[in-house]
Amino acid sequence: MADGVNRFLGDSIGRTIIKLIVVCLIVGFVLAFFGFTPDNIVDTIRYYFLDLWYNGFQALGRVGDYLLLGAIIVVPVFIVLRLLSIRR
């Protein structure tokens, strides 16, 4: 059982938790630097769904914008990571 969990996590449970804590702290500092707060992020998500409810499916057009915005970053990073993993 532990071997399957370690294989899934990529490392031991303790080391994975420590890595996640460090990454969460770094991302938290960066988001705080840019003025984001947990309330701000939750309110943005809540207002998006309220806007979707009140304005109908017109707000779904933003999903395409979000998809393209994310793809600009995610797809090149994915390709680079896949190319780097082929060399191993």
N, C-alpha and C. Protein backbone atom coordinates (compact mmCIF):
# COMPACT_ATOMS: atom_id res chain seq x y z
N MET A 1 0.83 -1.20 0.00
CA MET A 1 0.00 0.00 0.00
C MET A 1 0.88 1.26 0.00
N ALA A 2 1.88 1.31 0.87
CA ALA A 2 2.74 2.49 0.96
C ALA A 2 3.52 2.69 -0.32
N ASP A 3 3.92 1.57 -0.97
CA ASP A 3 4.67 1.68 -2.21
C ASP A 3 3.82 2.32 -3.30
N GLY A 4 2.53 1.96 -3.36
CA GLY A 4 1.63 2.56 -4.34
C GLY A 4 1.42 4.04 -4.09
N VAL A 5 1.30 4.41 -2.83
CA VAL A 5 1.13 5.83 -2.49
C VAL A 5 2.40 6.60 -2.83
N ASN A 6 3.55 6.04 -2.49
CA ASN A 6 4.81 6.71 -2.82
C ASN A 6 4.99 6.86 -4.32
N ARG A 7 4.58 5.86 -5.08
CA ARG A 7 4.68 5.93 -6.54
C ARG A 7 3.74 7.01 -7.06
N PHE A 8 2.54 7.09 -6.49
CA PHE A 8 1.58 8.11 -6.92
C PHE A 8 2.08 9.51 -6.60
N LEU A 9 2.62 9.70 -5.41
CA LEU A 9 3.08 11.02 -4.99
C LEU A 9 4.44 11.38 -5.59
N GLY A 10 5.21 10.39 -6.00
CA GLY A 10 6.52 10.65 -6.55
C GLY A 10 7.60 10.70 -5.50
N ASP A 11 7.26 10.57 -4.26
CA ASP A 11 8.21 10.61 -3.15
C ASP A 11 7.47 10.11 -1.92
N SER A 12 8.15 10.12 -0.78
CA SER A 12 7.48 9.70 0.45
C SER A 12 6.43 10.74 0.85
N ILE A 13 5.51 10.34 1.69
CA ILE A 13 4.42 11.24 2.10
C ILE A 13 4.96 12.47 2.81
N GLY A 14 5.90 12.27 3.72
CA GLY A 14 6.47 13.39 4.47
C GLY A 14 7.17 14.40 3.58
N ARG A 15 8.00 13.90 2.67
CA ARG A 15 8.72 14.81 1.77
C ARG A 15 7.76 15.54 0.84
N THR A 16 6.72 14.85 0.40
CA THR A 16 5.73 15.49 -0.47
C THR A 16 5.00 16.59 0.26
N ILE A 17 4.64 16.35 1.51
CA ILE A 17 3.96 17.39 2.31
C ILE A 17 4.87 18.60 2.50
N ILE A 18 6.14 18.36 2.79
CA ILE A 18 7.10 19.47 2.97
C ILE A 18 7.22 20.26 1.66
N LYS A 19 7.33 19.57 0.53
CA LYS A 19 7.43 20.26 -0.76
C LYS A 19 6.19 21.09 -1.03
N LEU A 20 5.01 20.51 -0.75
CA LEU A 20 3.76 21.25 -0.98
C LEU A 20 3.67 22.49 -0.08
N ILE A 21 4.11 22.37 1.15
CA ILE A 21 4.09 23.53 2.06
C ILE A 21 5.00 24.63 1.54
N VAL A 22 6.20 24.27 1.08
CA VAL A 22 7.13 25.27 0.56
C VAL A 22 6.56 25.94 -0.69
N VAL A 23 6.00 25.16 -1.61
CA VAL A 23 5.43 25.74 -2.83
C VAL A 23 4.23 26.62 -2.48
N CYS A 24 3.39 26.19 -1.54
CA CYS A 24 2.25 27.00 -1.13
C CYS A 24 2.70 28.34 -0.54
N LEU A 25 3.76 28.32 0.26
CA LEU A 25 4.28 29.56 0.82
C LEU A 25 4.79 30.50 -0.28
N ILE A 26 5.53 29.95 -1.23
CA ILE A 26 6.07 30.78 -2.31
C ILE A 26 4.94 31.38 -3.14
N VAL A 27 3.97 30.56 -3.53
CA VAL A 27 2.84 31.06 -4.32
C VAL A 27 2.03 32.06 -3.50
N GLY A 28 1.87 31.80 -2.22
CA GLY A 28 1.16 32.74 -1.35
C GLY A 28 1.84 34.09 -1.27
N PHE A 29 3.18 34.09 -1.16
CA PHE A 29 3.92 35.35 -1.13
C PHE A 29 3.76 36.11 -2.44
N VAL A 30 3.83 35.40 -3.56
CA VAL A 30 3.69 36.05 -4.87
C VAL A 30 2.29 36.63 -5.03
N LEU A 31 1.26 35.86 -4.66
CA LEU A 31 -0.11 36.37 -4.77
C LEU A 31 -0.34 37.56 -3.85
N ALA A 32 0.22 37.50 -2.64
CA ALA A 32 0.08 38.63 -1.72
C ALA A 32 0.80 39.87 -2.27
N PHE A 33 1.93 39.67 -2.93
CA PHE A 33 2.66 40.78 -3.52
C PHE A 33 1.81 41.50 -4.56
N PHE A 34 1.04 40.73 -5.33
CA PHE A 34 0.19 41.32 -6.36
C PHE A 34 -1.18 41.74 -5.82
N GLY A 35 -1.40 41.61 -4.53
CA GLY A 35 -2.60 42.14 -3.91
C GLY A 35 -3.77 41.18 -3.84
N PHE A 36 -3.55 39.91 -4.13
CA PHE A 36 -4.63 38.94 -4.03
C PHE A 36 -4.77 38.47 -2.59
N THR A 37 -6.01 38.24 -2.19
CA THR A 37 -6.30 37.66 -0.89
C THR A 37 -7.22 36.47 -1.11
N PRO A 38 -7.30 35.56 -0.13
CA PRO A 38 -8.23 34.44 -0.29
C PRO A 38 -9.67 34.91 -0.49
N ASP A 39 -10.07 35.94 0.22
CA ASP A 39 -11.43 36.48 0.05
C ASP A 39 -11.63 37.02 -1.36
N ASN A 40 -10.62 37.69 -1.88
CA ASN A 40 -10.69 38.25 -3.21
C ASN A 40 -10.89 37.15 -4.25
N ILE A 41 -10.14 36.08 -4.14
CA ILE A 41 -10.24 34.98 -5.10
C ILE A 41 -11.60 34.30 -4.98
N VAL A 42 -12.04 34.04 -3.75
CA VAL A 42 -13.35 33.39 -3.54
C VAL A 42 -14.47 34.29 -4.05
N ASP A 43 -14.38 35.58 -3.77
CA ASP A 43 -15.42 36.51 -4.25
C ASP A 43 -15.45 36.57 -5.77
N THR A 44 -14.28 36.53 -6.40
CA THR A 44 -14.24 36.55 -7.85
C THR A 44 -14.94 35.34 -8.44
N ILE A 45 -14.69 34.17 -7.86
CA ILE A 45 -15.35 32.95 -8.33
C ILE A 45 -16.85 33.04 -8.08
N ARG A 46 -17.23 33.52 -6.90
CA ARG A 46 -18.65 33.64 -6.56
C ARG A 46 -19.36 34.61 -7.49
N TYR A 47 -18.73 35.76 -7.76
CA TYR A 47 -19.35 36.74 -8.65
C TYR A 47 -19.42 36.24 -10.09
N TYR A 48 -18.46 35.41 -10.48
CA TYR A 48 -18.52 34.83 -11.82
C TYR A 48 -19.77 33.98 -11.97
N PHE A 49 -20.04 33.12 -10.98
CA PHE A 49 -21.21 32.26 -11.07
C PHE A 49 -22.51 33.05 -10.92
N LEU A 50 -22.51 34.10 -10.10
CA LEU A 50 -23.69 34.96 -10.01
C LEU A 50 -23.94 35.68 -11.33
N ASP A 51 -22.86 36.15 -11.95
CA ASP A 51 -22.98 36.81 -13.24
C ASP A 51 -23.49 35.83 -14.29
N LEU A 52 -23.01 34.60 -14.23
CA LEU A 52 -23.49 33.57 -15.14
C LEU A 52 -24.98 33.32 -14.93
N TRP A 53 -25.41 33.30 -13.69
CA TRP A 53 -26.82 33.06 -13.39
C TRP A 53 -27.70 34.22 -13.86
N TYR A 54 -27.27 35.46 -13.58
CA TYR A 54 -28.09 36.62 -13.90
C TYR A 54 -28.04 37.00 -15.38
N ASN A 55 -26.92 36.82 -16.02
CA ASN A 55 -26.78 37.23 -17.41
C ASN A 55 -26.91 36.08 -18.39
N GLY A 56 -27.17 34.91 -17.89
CA GLY A 56 -27.35 33.76 -18.76
C GLY A 56 -26.04 33.27 -19.34
N PHE A 57 -26.14 32.62 -20.44
CA PHE A 57 -24.97 31.98 -21.02
C PHE A 57 -24.06 32.94 -21.76
N GLN A 58 -24.41 34.19 -21.73
CA GLN A 58 -23.56 35.21 -22.32
C GLN A 58 -22.21 35.24 -21.60
N ALA A 59 -22.23 34.95 -20.31
CA ALA A 59 -21.00 34.96 -19.52
C ALA A 59 -20.10 33.78 -19.85
N LEU A 60 -20.65 32.75 -20.49
CA LEU A 60 -19.83 31.60 -20.84
C LEU A 60 -18.77 31.94 -21.88
N GLY A 61 -18.95 33.02 -22.57
CA GLY A 61 -17.94 33.47 -23.53
C GLY A 61 -16.62 33.75 -22.85
N ARG A 62 -16.66 34.11 -21.59
CA ARG A 62 -15.44 34.36 -20.83
C ARG A 62 -14.65 33.09 -20.62
N VAL A 63 -15.33 31.95 -20.57
CA VAL A 63 -14.63 30.68 -20.37
C VAL A 63 -13.65 30.46 -21.51
N GLY A 64 -14.05 30.79 -22.72
CA GLY A 64 -13.14 30.68 -23.87
C GLY A 64 -11.95 31.60 -23.71
N ASP A 65 -12.19 32.81 -23.21
CA ASP A 65 -11.08 33.74 -22.97
C ASP A 65 -10.13 33.18 -21.91
N TYR A 66 -10.70 32.64 -20.84
CA TYR A 66 -9.87 32.04 -19.79
C TYR A 66 -9.10 30.84 -20.32
N LEU A 67 -9.75 30.05 -21.18
CA LEU A 67 -9.09 28.89 -21.75
C LEU A 67 -7.90 29.30 -22.61
N LEU A 68 -8.09 30.30 -23.46
CA LEU A 68 -7.00 30.78 -24.29
C LEU A 68 -5.89 31.41 -23.47
N LEU A 69 -6.26 32.17 -22.46
CA LEU A 69 -5.27 32.80 -21.60
C LEU A 69 -4.42 31.76 -20.89
N GLY A 70 -5.06 30.73 -20.37
CA GLY A 70 -4.31 29.67 -19.71
C GLY A 70 -3.49 28.86 -20.68
N ALA A 71 -4.01 28.63 -21.88
CA ALA A 71 -3.30 27.83 -22.87
C ALA A 71 -2.02 28.50 -23.33
N ILE A 72 -1.99 29.82 -23.30
CA ILE A 72 -0.79 30.55 -23.69
C ILE A 72 0.39 30.16 -22.81
N ILE A 73 0.12 29.87 -21.55
CA ILE A 73 1.17 29.49 -20.61
C ILE A 73 1.31 27.97 -20.53
N VAL A 74 0.20 27.27 -20.41
CA VAL A 74 0.24 25.84 -20.10
C VAL A 74 0.77 25.01 -21.25
N VAL A 75 0.34 25.27 -22.47
CA VAL A 75 0.74 24.42 -23.59
C VAL A 75 2.25 24.50 -23.87
N PRO A 76 2.86 25.68 -23.93
CA PRO A 76 4.32 25.68 -24.13
C PRO A 76 5.09 25.03 -22.98
N VAL A 77 4.64 25.24 -21.75
CA VAL A 77 5.31 24.61 -20.61
C VAL A 77 5.17 23.09 -20.71
N PHE A 78 3.99 22.61 -21.08
CA PHE A 78 3.77 21.18 -21.24
C PHE A 78 4.70 20.61 -22.31
N ILE A 79 4.81 21.28 -23.44
CA ILE A 79 5.65 20.80 -24.53
C ILE A 79 7.12 20.76 -24.10
N VAL A 80 7.58 21.80 -23.43
CA VAL A 80 8.97 21.82 -22.96
C VAL A 80 9.22 20.70 -21.96
N LEU A 81 8.30 20.50 -21.02
CA LEU A 81 8.48 19.43 -20.04
C LEU A 81 8.48 18.06 -20.71
N ARG A 82 7.62 17.86 -21.70
CA ARG A 82 7.60 16.58 -22.41
C ARG A 82 8.90 16.37 -23.20
N LEU A 83 9.41 17.43 -23.82
CA LEU A 83 10.67 17.30 -24.55
C LEU A 83 11.83 17.00 -23.62
N LEU A 84 11.83 17.62 -22.45
CA LEU A 84 12.89 17.36 -21.48
C LEU A 84 12.79 15.95 -20.92
N SER A 85 11.58 15.42 -20.77
CA SER A 85 11.43 14.07 -20.23
C SER A 85 11.79 13.01 -21.25
N ILE A 86 11.76 13.33 -22.54
CA ILE A 86 12.14 12.36 -23.58
C ILE A 86 13.64 12.10 -23.52
N ARG A 87 14.41 13.10 -23.17
CA ARG A 87 15.86 12.96 -23.13
C ARG A 87 16.32 12.02 -22.01
N ARG A 88 15.49 11.84 -20.99
CA ARG A 88 15.90 10.97 -19.88
C ARG A 88 15.75 9.57 -20.22
